Amino acid sequence: MGWFYLCFAGILECFWAIGLKQSEGFTKLWPSLITAALIVISLTMLSLAMKTIPVGTAYAVWAGIGAALLAAYGILFMGESASFIRIACIFFIISGVAGLKYFT
């Protein structure tokens, strides 16, 4: 169950990071409230995952999921560069996260 919590927390991290942008520095009420709720839920799921997954692994996987998803989101929806190097770096993040999962 810990890995489920961790993956869910990582996905929510991506959503709350997008929410940070949408809240425009917490100046818009609804995006700010939704972002704050997503932060609380994400960190709660991360803490539940850490009951069974070592802290270093859990945090690295959580951050890696968020980083890879946000980089892909930026490429797909925000017009960010889709250069070979950027795609390769996303692949390396995903490889590192998978390695932490399978070699823990």
N, C-alpha and C. Protein backbone atom coordinates (compact mmCIF):
# COMPACT_ATOMS: atom_id res chain seq x y z
N MET A 1 0.82 -1.19 0.00
CA MET A 1 0.00 0.00 0.00
C MET A 1 0.86 1.26 0.00
N GLY A 2 2.07 1.16 0.57
CA GLY A 2 2.96 2.31 0.64
C GLY A 2 3.32 2.87 -0.73
N TRP A 3 3.57 1.97 -1.68
CA TRP A 3 3.92 2.44 -3.03
C TRP A 3 2.73 3.09 -3.72
N PHE A 4 1.52 2.61 -3.45
CA PHE A 4 0.33 3.27 -3.99
C PHE A 4 0.23 4.69 -3.44
N TYR A 5 0.37 4.84 -2.12
CA TYR A 5 0.33 6.16 -1.50
C TYR A 5 1.40 7.08 -2.10
N LEU A 6 2.58 6.51 -2.29
CA LEU A 6 3.70 7.31 -2.80
C LEU A 6 3.44 7.78 -4.23
N CYS A 7 2.96 6.90 -5.09
CA CYS A 7 2.66 7.29 -6.47
C CYS A 7 1.55 8.33 -6.51
N PHE A 8 0.52 8.14 -5.70
CA PHE A 8 -0.58 9.10 -5.64
C PHE A 8 -0.06 10.46 -5.16
N ALA A 9 0.80 10.44 -4.14
CA ALA A 9 1.38 11.69 -3.63
C ALA A 9 2.20 12.39 -4.69
N GLY A 10 2.96 11.63 -5.47
CA GLY A 10 3.78 12.22 -6.53
C GLY A 10 2.94 12.85 -7.63
N ILE A 11 1.84 12.20 -7.99
CA ILE A 11 0.94 12.75 -9.00
C ILE A 11 0.30 14.04 -8.47
N LEU A 12 -0.12 14.02 -7.21
CA LEU A 12 -0.70 15.22 -6.62
C LEU A 12 0.31 16.36 -6.54
N GLU A 13 1.58 16.02 -6.34
CA GLU A 13 2.62 17.05 -6.32
C GLU A 13 2.63 17.80 -7.65
N CYS A 14 2.47 17.07 -8.72
CA CYS A 14 2.42 17.69 -10.04
C CYS A 14 1.25 18.66 -10.13
N PHE A 15 0.08 18.23 -9.67
CA PHE A 15 -1.10 19.08 -9.73
C PHE A 15 -0.98 20.32 -8.86
N TRP A 16 -0.41 20.17 -7.65
CA TRP A 16 -0.32 21.36 -6.82
C TRP A 16 0.75 22.32 -7.33
N ALA A 17 1.77 21.81 -7.99
CA ALA A 17 2.76 22.71 -8.58
C ALA A 17 2.13 23.53 -9.72
N ILE A 18 1.30 22.88 -10.52
CA ILE A 18 0.56 23.60 -11.56
C ILE A 18 -0.37 24.61 -10.90
N GLY A 19 -0.99 24.22 -9.80
CA GLY A 19 -1.87 25.12 -9.06
C GLY A 19 -1.14 26.35 -8.54
N LEU A 20 0.13 26.17 -8.15
CA LEU A 20 0.91 27.32 -7.70
C LEU A 20 0.99 28.38 -8.80
N LYS A 21 1.20 27.93 -10.02
CA LYS A 21 1.26 28.86 -11.15
C LYS A 21 -0.10 29.50 -11.37
N GLN A 22 -1.16 28.70 -11.31
CA GLN A 22 -2.51 29.22 -11.54
C GLN A 22 -2.96 30.19 -10.45
N SER A 23 -2.44 30.04 -9.24
CA SER A 23 -2.85 30.91 -8.14
C SER A 23 -2.20 32.30 -8.24
N GLU A 24 -1.21 32.42 -9.11
CA GLU A 24 -0.49 33.70 -9.32
C GLU A 24 -0.02 34.29 -7.99
N GLY A 25 0.80 33.50 -7.31
CA GLY A 25 1.36 33.96 -6.03
C GLY A 25 0.33 34.03 -4.93
N PHE A 26 -0.63 33.12 -4.95
CA PHE A 26 -1.72 33.05 -3.98
C PHE A 26 -2.56 34.33 -3.97
N THR A 27 -2.72 34.95 -5.14
CA THR A 27 -3.56 36.13 -5.25
C THR A 27 -4.95 35.80 -5.78
N LYS A 28 -5.14 34.59 -6.29
CA LYS A 28 -6.46 34.15 -6.75
C LYS A 28 -7.01 33.15 -5.74
N LEU A 29 -8.22 33.41 -5.25
CA LEU A 29 -8.77 32.64 -4.14
C LEU A 29 -8.92 31.15 -4.45
N TRP A 30 -9.71 30.79 -5.45
CA TRP A 30 -10.01 29.37 -5.68
C TRP A 30 -8.79 28.55 -6.08
N PRO A 31 -7.95 29.03 -7.01
CA PRO A 31 -6.74 28.26 -7.28
C PRO A 31 -5.85 28.11 -6.04
N SER A 32 -5.82 29.13 -5.19
CA SER A 32 -5.02 29.07 -3.96
C SER A 32 -5.56 28.02 -3.00
N LEU A 33 -6.88 28.00 -2.82
CA LEU A 33 -7.49 27.03 -1.91
C LEU A 33 -7.31 25.60 -2.41
N ILE A 34 -7.52 25.40 -3.71
CA ILE A 34 -7.35 24.07 -4.29
C ILE A 34 -5.90 23.63 -4.16
N THR A 35 -4.97 24.54 -4.43
CA THR A 35 -3.55 24.22 -4.31
C THR A 35 -3.19 23.84 -2.88
N ALA A 36 -3.66 24.60 -1.92
CA ALA A 36 -3.38 24.30 -0.52
C ALA A 36 -3.93 22.93 -0.13
N ALA A 37 -5.13 22.61 -0.58
CA ALA A 37 -5.71 21.30 -0.28
C ALA A 37 -4.88 20.18 -0.90
N LEU A 38 -4.44 20.38 -2.14
CA LEU A 38 -3.62 19.36 -2.81
C LEU A 38 -2.28 19.17 -2.12
N ILE A 39 -1.71 20.26 -1.62
CA ILE A 39 -0.44 20.16 -0.88
C ILE A 39 -0.64 19.30 0.38
N VAL A 40 -1.69 19.58 1.12
CA VAL A 40 -1.96 18.83 2.35
C VAL A 40 -2.18 17.35 2.04
N ILE A 41 -2.98 17.05 1.02
CA ILE A 41 -3.26 15.65 0.68
C ILE A 41 -1.98 14.96 0.20
N SER A 42 -1.20 15.64 -0.64
CA SER A 42 0.03 15.05 -1.15
C SER A 42 1.00 14.73 -0.02
N LEU A 43 1.19 15.67 0.89
CA LEU A 43 2.11 15.43 2.00
C LEU A 43 1.59 14.37 2.96
N THR A 44 0.27 14.29 3.11
CA THR A 44 -0.31 13.23 3.94
C THR A 44 -0.03 11.86 3.32
N MET A 45 -0.23 11.75 2.01
CA MET A 45 0.04 10.49 1.33
C MET A 45 1.53 10.14 1.41
N LEU A 46 2.39 11.14 1.27
CA LEU A 46 3.83 10.91 1.39
C LEU A 46 4.17 10.40 2.79
N SER A 47 3.57 10.99 3.81
CA SER A 47 3.86 10.54 5.17
C SER A 47 3.35 9.12 5.42
N LEU A 48 2.20 8.77 4.84
CA LEU A 48 1.70 7.40 4.97
C LEU A 48 2.64 6.41 4.27
N ALA A 49 3.15 6.81 3.12
CA ALA A 49 4.09 5.94 2.39
C ALA A 49 5.35 5.70 3.20
N MET A 50 5.78 6.73 3.94
CA MET A 50 7.02 6.61 4.71
C MET A 50 6.91 5.67 5.90
N LYS A 51 5.70 5.17 6.18
CA LYS A 51 5.57 4.15 7.22
C LYS A 51 6.22 2.85 6.80
N THR A 52 6.25 2.59 5.48
CA THR A 52 6.79 1.30 5.00
C THR A 52 7.94 1.46 4.02
N ILE A 53 8.21 2.67 3.54
CA ILE A 53 9.27 2.91 2.57
C ILE A 53 10.30 3.81 3.22
N PRO A 54 11.60 3.52 3.08
CA PRO A 54 12.63 4.37 3.68
C PRO A 54 12.48 5.83 3.23
N VAL A 55 12.78 6.75 4.14
CA VAL A 55 12.55 8.17 3.89
C VAL A 55 13.30 8.68 2.64
N GLY A 56 14.54 8.28 2.46
CA GLY A 56 15.31 8.74 1.30
C GLY A 56 14.71 8.27 0.00
N THR A 57 14.31 7.02 -0.03
CA THR A 57 13.68 6.47 -1.23
C THR A 57 12.34 7.14 -1.48
N ALA A 58 11.52 7.26 -0.44
CA ALA A 58 10.19 7.85 -0.60
C ALA A 58 10.27 9.28 -1.11
N TYR A 59 11.14 10.07 -0.51
CA TYR A 59 11.23 11.47 -0.93
C TYR A 59 11.77 11.59 -2.34
N ALA A 60 12.78 10.81 -2.68
CA ALA A 60 13.35 10.87 -4.03
C ALA A 60 12.32 10.45 -5.08
N VAL A 61 11.56 9.41 -4.80
CA VAL A 61 10.54 8.95 -5.74
C VAL A 61 9.44 10.00 -5.87
N TRP A 62 9.00 10.55 -4.74
CA TRP A 62 7.96 11.59 -4.75
C TRP A 62 8.40 12.79 -5.60
N ALA A 63 9.59 13.27 -5.36
CA ALA A 63 10.10 14.41 -6.10
C ALA A 63 10.33 14.06 -7.57
N GLY A 64 10.81 12.85 -7.83
CA GLY A 64 11.07 12.42 -9.20
C GLY A 64 9.79 12.31 -10.03
N ILE A 65 8.75 11.76 -9.42
CA ILE A 65 7.47 11.66 -10.13
C ILE A 65 6.98 13.06 -10.48
N GLY A 66 7.01 13.95 -9.51
CA GLY A 66 6.58 15.32 -9.76
C GLY A 66 7.42 16.02 -10.82
N ALA A 67 8.73 15.87 -10.74
CA ALA A 67 9.62 16.53 -11.70
C ALA A 67 9.39 16.01 -13.12
N ALA A 68 9.29 14.71 -13.27
CA ALA A 68 9.11 14.13 -14.61
C ALA A 68 7.75 14.52 -15.19
N LEU A 69 6.70 14.44 -14.37
CA LEU A 69 5.37 14.80 -14.87
C LEU A 69 5.28 16.28 -15.21
N LEU A 70 5.88 17.12 -14.38
CA LEU A 70 5.83 18.56 -14.66
C LEU A 70 6.64 18.92 -15.90
N ALA A 71 7.77 18.28 -16.09
CA ALA A 71 8.56 18.54 -17.29
C ALA A 71 7.78 18.12 -18.54
N ALA A 72 7.13 16.97 -18.47
CA ALA A 72 6.32 16.50 -19.60
C ALA A 72 5.13 17.43 -19.83
N TYR A 73 4.50 17.88 -18.75
CA TYR A 73 3.38 18.81 -18.86
C TYR A 73 3.83 20.10 -19.55
N GLY A 74 4.98 20.61 -19.15
CA GLY A 74 5.51 21.83 -19.75
C GLY A 74 5.75 21.67 -21.24
N ILE A 75 6.26 20.52 -21.62
CA ILE A 75 6.51 20.27 -23.05
C ILE A 75 5.19 20.15 -23.80
N LEU A 76 4.25 19.40 -23.26
CA LEU A 76 3.00 19.12 -23.97
C LEU A 76 2.02 20.29 -23.99
N PHE A 77 1.97 21.06 -22.90
CA PHE A 77 0.90 22.05 -22.78
C PHE A 77 1.36 23.50 -22.63
N MET A 78 2.64 23.72 -22.39
CA MET A 78 3.08 25.09 -22.14
C MET A 78 4.13 25.57 -23.13
N GLY A 79 4.35 24.80 -24.18
CA GLY A 79 5.26 25.22 -25.23
C GLY A 79 6.73 25.20 -24.86
N GLU A 80 7.09 24.44 -23.84
CA GLU A 80 8.50 24.35 -23.47
C GLU A 80 9.24 23.47 -24.48
N SER A 81 10.53 23.64 -24.53
CA SER A 81 11.36 22.92 -25.50
C SER A 81 11.23 21.41 -25.33
N ALA A 82 11.15 20.73 -26.47
CA ALA A 82 11.09 19.26 -26.47
C ALA A 82 12.36 18.71 -27.10
N SER A 83 13.49 19.31 -26.75
CA SER A 83 14.75 18.87 -27.33
C SER A 83 15.10 17.45 -26.88
N PHE A 84 15.96 16.84 -27.63
CA PHE A 84 16.40 15.48 -27.31
C PHE A 84 16.98 15.42 -25.89
N ILE A 85 17.76 16.41 -25.53
CA ILE A 85 18.40 16.42 -24.20
C ILE A 85 17.35 16.48 -23.09
N ARG A 86 16.34 17.33 -23.26
CA ARG A 86 15.28 17.42 -22.23
C ARG A 86 14.54 16.09 -22.10
N ILE A 87 14.20 15.48 -23.23
CA ILE A 87 13.50 14.18 -23.21
C ILE A 87 14.39 13.13 -22.55
N ALA A 88 15.67 13.14 -22.86
CA ALA A 88 16.61 12.18 -22.26
C ALA A 88 16.68 12.38 -20.75
N CYS A 89 16.69 13.63 -20.31
CA CYS A 89 16.75 13.90 -18.87
C CYS A 89 15.50 13.40 -18.16
N ILE A 90 14.34 13.59 -18.79
CA ILE A 90 13.10 13.06 -18.21
C ILE A 90 13.19 11.54 -18.11
N PHE A 91 13.72 10.91 -19.15
CA PHE A 91 13.91 9.46 -19.13
C PHE A 91 14.83 9.04 -17.97
N PHE A 92 15.90 9.80 -17.73
CA PHE A 92 16.80 9.47 -16.64
C PHE A 92 16.13 9.62 -15.28
N ILE A 93 15.27 10.62 -15.14
CA ILE A 93 14.52 10.77 -13.89
C ILE A 93 13.63 9.56 -13.67
N ILE A 94 12.90 9.17 -14.71
CA ILE A 94 12.01 8.01 -14.62
C ILE A 94 12.81 6.74 -14.33
N SER A 95 13.95 6.59 -14.98
CA SER A 95 14.81 5.42 -14.73
C SER A 95 15.29 5.39 -13.28
N GLY A 96 15.65 6.54 -12.76
CA GLY A 96 16.10 6.61 -11.37
C GLY A 96 14.99 6.25 -10.40
N VAL A 97 13.79 6.74 -10.65
CA VAL A 97 12.64 6.42 -9.80
C VAL A 97 12.36 4.92 -9.86
N ALA A 98 12.36 4.35 -11.06
CA ALA A 98 12.13 2.91 -11.21
C ALA A 98 13.21 2.11 -10.49
N GLY A 99 14.46 2.56 -10.61
CA GLY A 99 15.55 1.88 -9.94
C GLY A 99 15.39 1.90 -8.42
N LEU A 100 14.97 3.02 -7.88
CA LEU A 100 14.74 3.09 -6.44
C LEU A 100 13.63 2.15 -6.00
N LYS A 101 12.62 2.02 -6.84
CA LYS A 101 11.51 1.11 -6.51
C LYS A 101 11.99 -0.34 -6.53
N TYR A 102 12.68 -0.72 -7.57
CA TYR A 102 13.01 -2.13 -7.75
C TYR A 102 14.24 -2.59 -6.99
N PHE A 103 15.09 -1.67 -6.55
CA PHE A 103 16.30 -2.07 -5.85
C PHE A 103 16.28 -1.64 -4.37
N THR A 104 15.08 -1.39 -3.85
CA THR A 104 14.95 -1.02 -2.43
C THR A 104 14.93 -2.29 -1.60
